[in-house]
């Protein structure tokens, strides 16, 4: 089975059982992403949420708050256009990997991971098997 990423979302995948093993999907986040920042994020999320695993919505919220925080810090609390302009062009390491905010479209530019569900110990994980980098929303590209 080939699917889009939410079919094997990280917070539901273990409940799917072995029928999910081998499913290939494309998505911008996997809780199994191999980076120190993601490992820290997954651990902190689990501790704060009764052992739950973060999914793409959790990492999106984390990144969104990071963008707002850094923009507010850079503008010393100014709002409006100053805050918006401070968000444009931010480049940073996310638990999902390197991303940036496109200065023209204000969209996230990120990697998309090709993933295959595998059993690791007693849990199922979306294991990244390939990466497409710097993916933009083509509907908004100029």
C-alpha atoms as a PDB file:
ATOM      1  CA  UNK A   1       0.000   0.000   0.000  1.00  0.00           C
ATOM      2  CA  UNK A   2       1.235   3.478  -0.871  1.00  0.00           C
ATOM      3  CA  UNK A   3      -0.457   6.307   1.024  1.00  0.00           C
ATOM      4  CA  UNK A   4      -0.202   9.898   2.121  1.00  0.00           C
ATOM      5  CA  UNK A   5       1.340  10.378   5.549  1.00  0.00           C
ATOM      6  CA  UNK A   6      -1.665  10.705   7.807  1.00  0.00           C
ATOM      7  CA  UNK A   7      -2.777   7.151   6.955  1.00  0.00           C
ATOM      8  CA  UNK A   8       0.018   5.890   9.209  1.00  0.00           C
ATOM      9  CA  UNK A   9       0.087   8.890  11.540  1.00  0.00           C
ATOM     10  CA  UNK A  10       2.526   8.481  14.417  1.00  0.00           C
ATOM     11  CA  UNK A  11      -0.095   8.771  17.134  1.00  0.00           C
ATOM     12  CA  UNK A  12      -2.298   5.958  15.731  1.00  0.00           C
ATOM     13  CA  UNK A  13       0.131   3.601  14.024  1.00  0.00           C
ATOM     14  CA  UNK A  14       0.602   1.204  16.951  1.00  0.00           C
ATOM     15  CA  UNK A  15      -3.142   0.624  17.116  1.00  0.00           C
ATOM     16  CA  UNK A  16      -3.151  -0.530  13.489  1.00  0.00           C
ATOM     17  CA  UNK A  17      -1.182  -3.678  14.213  1.00  0.00           C
ATOM     18  CA  UNK A  18       0.893  -5.717  11.779  1.00  0.00           C
ATOM     19  CA  UNK A  19      -1.413  -4.940   8.849  1.00  0.00           C
ATOM     20  CA  UNK A  20       0.420  -1.590   8.676  1.00  0.00           C
ATOM     21  CA  UNK A  21       3.894  -3.140   8.340  1.00  0.00           C
ATOM     22  CA  UNK A  22       5.303  -2.325   4.920  1.00  0.00           C
ATOM     23  CA  UNK A  23       2.965   0.565   4.130  1.00  0.00           C
ATOM     24  CA  UNK A  24       4.895   3.281   2.271  1.00  0.00           C
ATOM     25  CA  UNK A  25       3.884   6.903   2.719  1.00  0.00           C
ATOM     26  CA  UNK A  26       5.148  10.414   2.072  1.00  0.00           C
ATOM     27  CA  UNK A  27       4.938  13.033   4.793  1.00  0.00           C
ATOM     28  CA  UNK A  28       6.829  15.926   6.359  1.00  0.00           C
ATOM     29  CA  UNK A  29       7.272  14.319   9.780  1.00  0.00           C
ATOM     30  CA  UNK A  30       8.018  11.021  11.424  1.00  0.00           C
ATOM     31  CA  UNK A  31       8.487  10.597  15.149  1.00  0.00           C
ATOM     32  CA  UNK A  32      11.326   8.256  14.150  1.00  0.00           C
ATOM     33  CA  UNK A  33      13.227  11.091  12.382  1.00  0.00           C
ATOM     34  CA  UNK A  34      16.846  10.545  13.339  1.00  0.00           C
ATOM     35  CA  UNK A  35      18.067  13.823  14.819  1.00  0.00           C
ATOM     36  CA  UNK A  36      19.034  14.898  18.340  1.00  0.00           C
ATOM     37  CA  UNK A  37      16.356  17.627  18.337  1.00  0.00           C
ATOM     38  CA  UNK A  38      13.611  15.191  17.328  1.00  0.00           C
ATOM     39  CA  UNK A  39      14.669  12.649  19.943  1.00  0.00           C
ATOM     40  CA  UNK A  40      14.469  15.400  22.586  1.00  0.00           C
ATOM     41  CA  UNK A  41      11.067  16.515  21.224  1.00  0.00           C
ATOM     42  CA  UNK A  42       9.623  12.977  21.199  1.00  0.00           C
ATOM     43  CA  UNK A  43      10.880  12.346  24.738  1.00  0.00           C
ATOM     44  CA  UNK A  44       9.514  15.646  26.116  1.00  0.00           C
ATOM     45  CA  UNK A  45       6.192  15.191  24.322  1.00  0.00           C
ATOM     46  CA  UNK A  46       5.805  11.682  25.733  1.00  0.00           C
ATOM     47  CA  UNK A  47       6.597  12.823  29.270  1.00  0.00           C
ATOM     48  CA  UNK A  48       4.055  15.655  29.012  1.00  0.00           C
ATOM     49  CA  UNK A  49       1.339  13.502  27.423  1.00  0.00           C
ATOM     50  CA  UNK A  50       1.268  10.184  29.241  1.00  0.00           C
ATOM     51  CA  UNK A  51       3.675   8.426  26.895  1.00  0.00           C
ATOM     52  CA  UNK A  52       1.892   9.479  23.699  1.00  0.00           C
ATOM     53  CA  UNK A  53       3.913   9.869  20.526  1.00  0.00           C
ATOM     54  CA  UNK A  54       3.873  13.245  18.726  1.00  0.00           C
ATOM     55  CA  UNK A  55       2.443  13.467  15.231  1.00  0.00           C
ATOM     56  CA  UNK A  56       2.623  15.988  12.396  1.00  0.00           C
ATOM     57  CA  UNK A  57       0.178  18.338  14.125  1.00  0.00           C
ATOM     58  CA  UNK A  58       2.289  18.387  17.285  1.00  0.00           C
ATOM     59  CA  UNK A  59       5.467  19.252  15.390  1.00  0.00           C
ATOM     60  CA  UNK A  60       3.572  21.905  13.403  1.00  0.00           C
ATOM     61  CA  UNK A  61       2.416  23.529  16.645  1.00  0.00           C
ATOM     62  CA  UNK A  62       5.951  23.348  18.049  1.00  0.00           C
ATOM     63  CA  UNK A  63       7.400  24.991  14.945  1.00  0.00           C
ATOM     64  CA  UNK A  64       4.669  27.628  14.801  1.00  0.00           C
ATOM     65  CA  UNK A  65       5.291  28.658  18.389  1.00  0.00           C
ATOM     66  CA  UNK A  66       9.028  28.791  17.692  1.00  0.00           C
ATOM     67  CA  UNK A  67       8.469  31.136  14.726  1.00  0.00           C
ATOM     68  CA  UNK A  68       6.223  33.423  16.791  1.00  0.00           C
ATOM     69  CA  UNK A  69       8.617  33.424  19.756  1.00  0.00           C
ATOM     70  CA  UNK A  70      11.676  34.256  17.645  1.00  0.00           C
ATOM     71  CA  UNK A  71       9.798  36.992  15.763  1.00  0.00           C
ATOM     72  CA  UNK A  72       8.512  38.529  19.017  1.00  0.00           C
ATOM     73  CA  UNK A  73      12.013  38.416  20.468  1.00  0.00           C
ATOM     74  CA  UNK A  74      13.526  40.047  17.364  1.00  0.00           C
ATOM     75  CA  UNK A  75      10.924  42.834  17.339  1.00  0.00           C
ATOM     76  CA  UNK A  76      10.997  43.312  21.123  1.00  0.00           C
ATOM     77  CA  UNK A  77       7.275  42.695  21.321  1.00  0.00           C
ATOM     78  CA  UNK A  78       6.106  44.841  18.407  1.00  0.00           C
ATOM     79  CA  UNK A  79       3.120  43.441  16.568  1.00  0.00           C
ATOM     80  CA  UNK A  80       1.634  43.963  13.127  1.00  0.00           C
ATOM     81  CA  UNK A  81       3.906  44.331  10.119  1.00  0.00           C
ATOM     82  CA  UNK A  82       7.095  44.249  12.206  1.00  0.00           C
ATOM     83  CA  UNK A  83       6.162  40.864  13.665  1.00  0.00           C
ATOM     84  CA  UNK A  84       5.097  39.493  10.285  1.00  0.00           C
ATOM     85  CA  UNK A  85       8.304  40.697   8.638  1.00  0.00           C
ATOM     86  CA  UNK A  86      10.377  39.060  11.387  1.00  0.00           C
ATOM     87  CA  UNK A  87       8.712  35.720  10.586  1.00  0.00           C
ATOM     88  CA  UNK A  88       9.539  35.876   6.886  1.00  0.00           C
ATOM     89  CA  UNK A  89      12.720  34.104   5.898  1.00  0.00           C
ATOM     90  CA  UNK A  90      13.349  32.376   9.233  1.00  0.00           C
ATOM     91  CA  UNK A  91      15.587  29.336   8.735  1.00  0.00           C
ATOM     92  CA  UNK A  92      15.849  26.818  11.547  1.00  0.00           C
ATOM     93  CA  UNK A  93      16.220  23.227  12.618  1.00  0.00           C
ATOM     94  CA  UNK A  94      12.886  21.664  13.508  1.00  0.00           C
ATOM     95  CA  UNK A  95      12.266  18.227  14.991  1.00  0.00           C
ATOM     96  CA  UNK A  96      11.207  17.373  11.399  1.00  0.00           C
ATOM     97  CA  UNK A  97      14.505  18.621   9.940  1.00  0.00           C
ATOM     98  CA  UNK A  98      15.732  21.861   8.383  1.00  0.00           C
ATOM     99  CA  UNK A  99      12.880  24.213   7.378  1.00  0.00           C
ATOM    100  CA  UNK A 100      12.436  27.828   6.456  1.00  0.00           C
ATOM    101  CA  UNK A 101       9.643  30.333   6.013  1.00  0.00           C
ATOM    102  CA  UNK A 102       9.468  31.472   2.384  1.00  0.00           C
ATOM    103  CA  UNK A 103       9.687  35.278   2.427  1.00  0.00           C
ATOM    104  CA  UNK A 104       7.305  35.666  -0.550  1.00  0.00           C
ATOM    105  CA  UNK A 105       4.582  33.144   0.275  1.00  0.00           C
ATOM    106  CA  UNK A 106       5.122  32.898   4.055  1.00  0.00           C
ATOM    107  CA  UNK A 107       4.770  29.114   3.708  1.00  0.00           C
ATOM    108  CA  UNK A 108       7.007  26.497   5.270  1.00  0.00           C
ATOM    109  CA  UNK A 109       9.590  25.006   2.921  1.00  0.00           C
ATOM    110  CA  UNK A 110      10.521  21.573   4.205  1.00  0.00           C
ATOM    111  CA  UNK A 111      11.624  18.065   3.398  1.00  0.00           C
ATOM    112  CA  UNK A 112       9.142  15.355   2.553  1.00  0.00           C
ATOM    113  CA  UNK A 113      10.150  11.919   3.771  1.00  0.00           C
ATOM    114  CA  UNK A 114       9.338   8.682   2.019  1.00  0.00           C
ATOM    115  CA  UNK A 115       8.626   6.284   4.865  1.00  0.00           C
ATOM    116  CA  UNK A 116       7.972   2.597   5.343  1.00  0.00           C
ATOM    117  CA  UNK A 117       6.230   1.199   8.416  1.00  0.00           C
ATOM    118  CA  UNK A 118       8.440  -1.254  10.279  1.00  0.00           C
ATOM    119  CA  UNK A 119       8.252  -3.039  13.593  1.00  0.00           C
ATOM    120  CA  UNK A 120      11.042  -1.915  15.896  1.00  0.00           C
ATOM    121  CA  UNK A 121      10.945  -3.919  19.102  1.00  0.00           C
ATOM    122  CA  UNK A 122       7.311  -4.002  20.160  1.00  0.00           C
ATOM    123  CA  UNK A 123       6.254  -0.819  18.339  1.00  0.00           C
ATOM    124  CA  UNK A 124       5.514   0.301  14.794  1.00  0.00           C
ATOM    125  CA  UNK A 125       7.426   3.254  13.365  1.00  0.00           C
ATOM    126  CA  UNK A 126       7.462   5.217  10.111  1.00  0.00           C
ATOM    127  CA  UNK A 127      11.060   4.618   9.055  1.00  0.00           C
ATOM    128  CA  UNK A 128      12.431   7.199   6.610  1.00  0.00           C
ATOM    129  CA  UNK A 129      13.822   5.564   3.472  1.00  0.00           C
ATOM    130  CA  UNK A 130      14.292   8.598   1.211  1.00  0.00           C
ATOM    131  CA  UNK A 131      14.036  12.380   1.338  1.00  0.00           C
ATOM    132  CA  UNK A 132      12.858  15.093  -1.051  1.00  0.00           C
ATOM    133  CA  UNK A 133      14.313  18.386   0.179  1.00  0.00           C
ATOM    134  CA  UNK A 134      13.128  22.001  -0.064  1.00  0.00           C
ATOM    135  CA  UNK A 135       9.533  21.218  -0.996  1.00  0.00           C
ATOM    136  CA  UNK A 136       7.352  24.275  -1.568  1.00  0.00           C
ATOM    137  CA  UNK A 137       3.608  24.532  -2.082  1.00  0.00           C
ATOM    138  CA  UNK A 138       3.583  24.612  -5.883  1.00  0.00           C
ATOM    139  CA  UNK A 139       0.185  26.254  -5.868  1.00  0.00           C
ATOM    140  CA  UNK A 140       1.732  29.330  -4.299  1.00  0.00           C
ATOM    141  CA  UNK A 141       5.072  29.397  -6.102  1.00  0.00           C
ATOM    142  CA  UNK A 142       5.718  32.354  -8.361  1.00  0.00           C
END
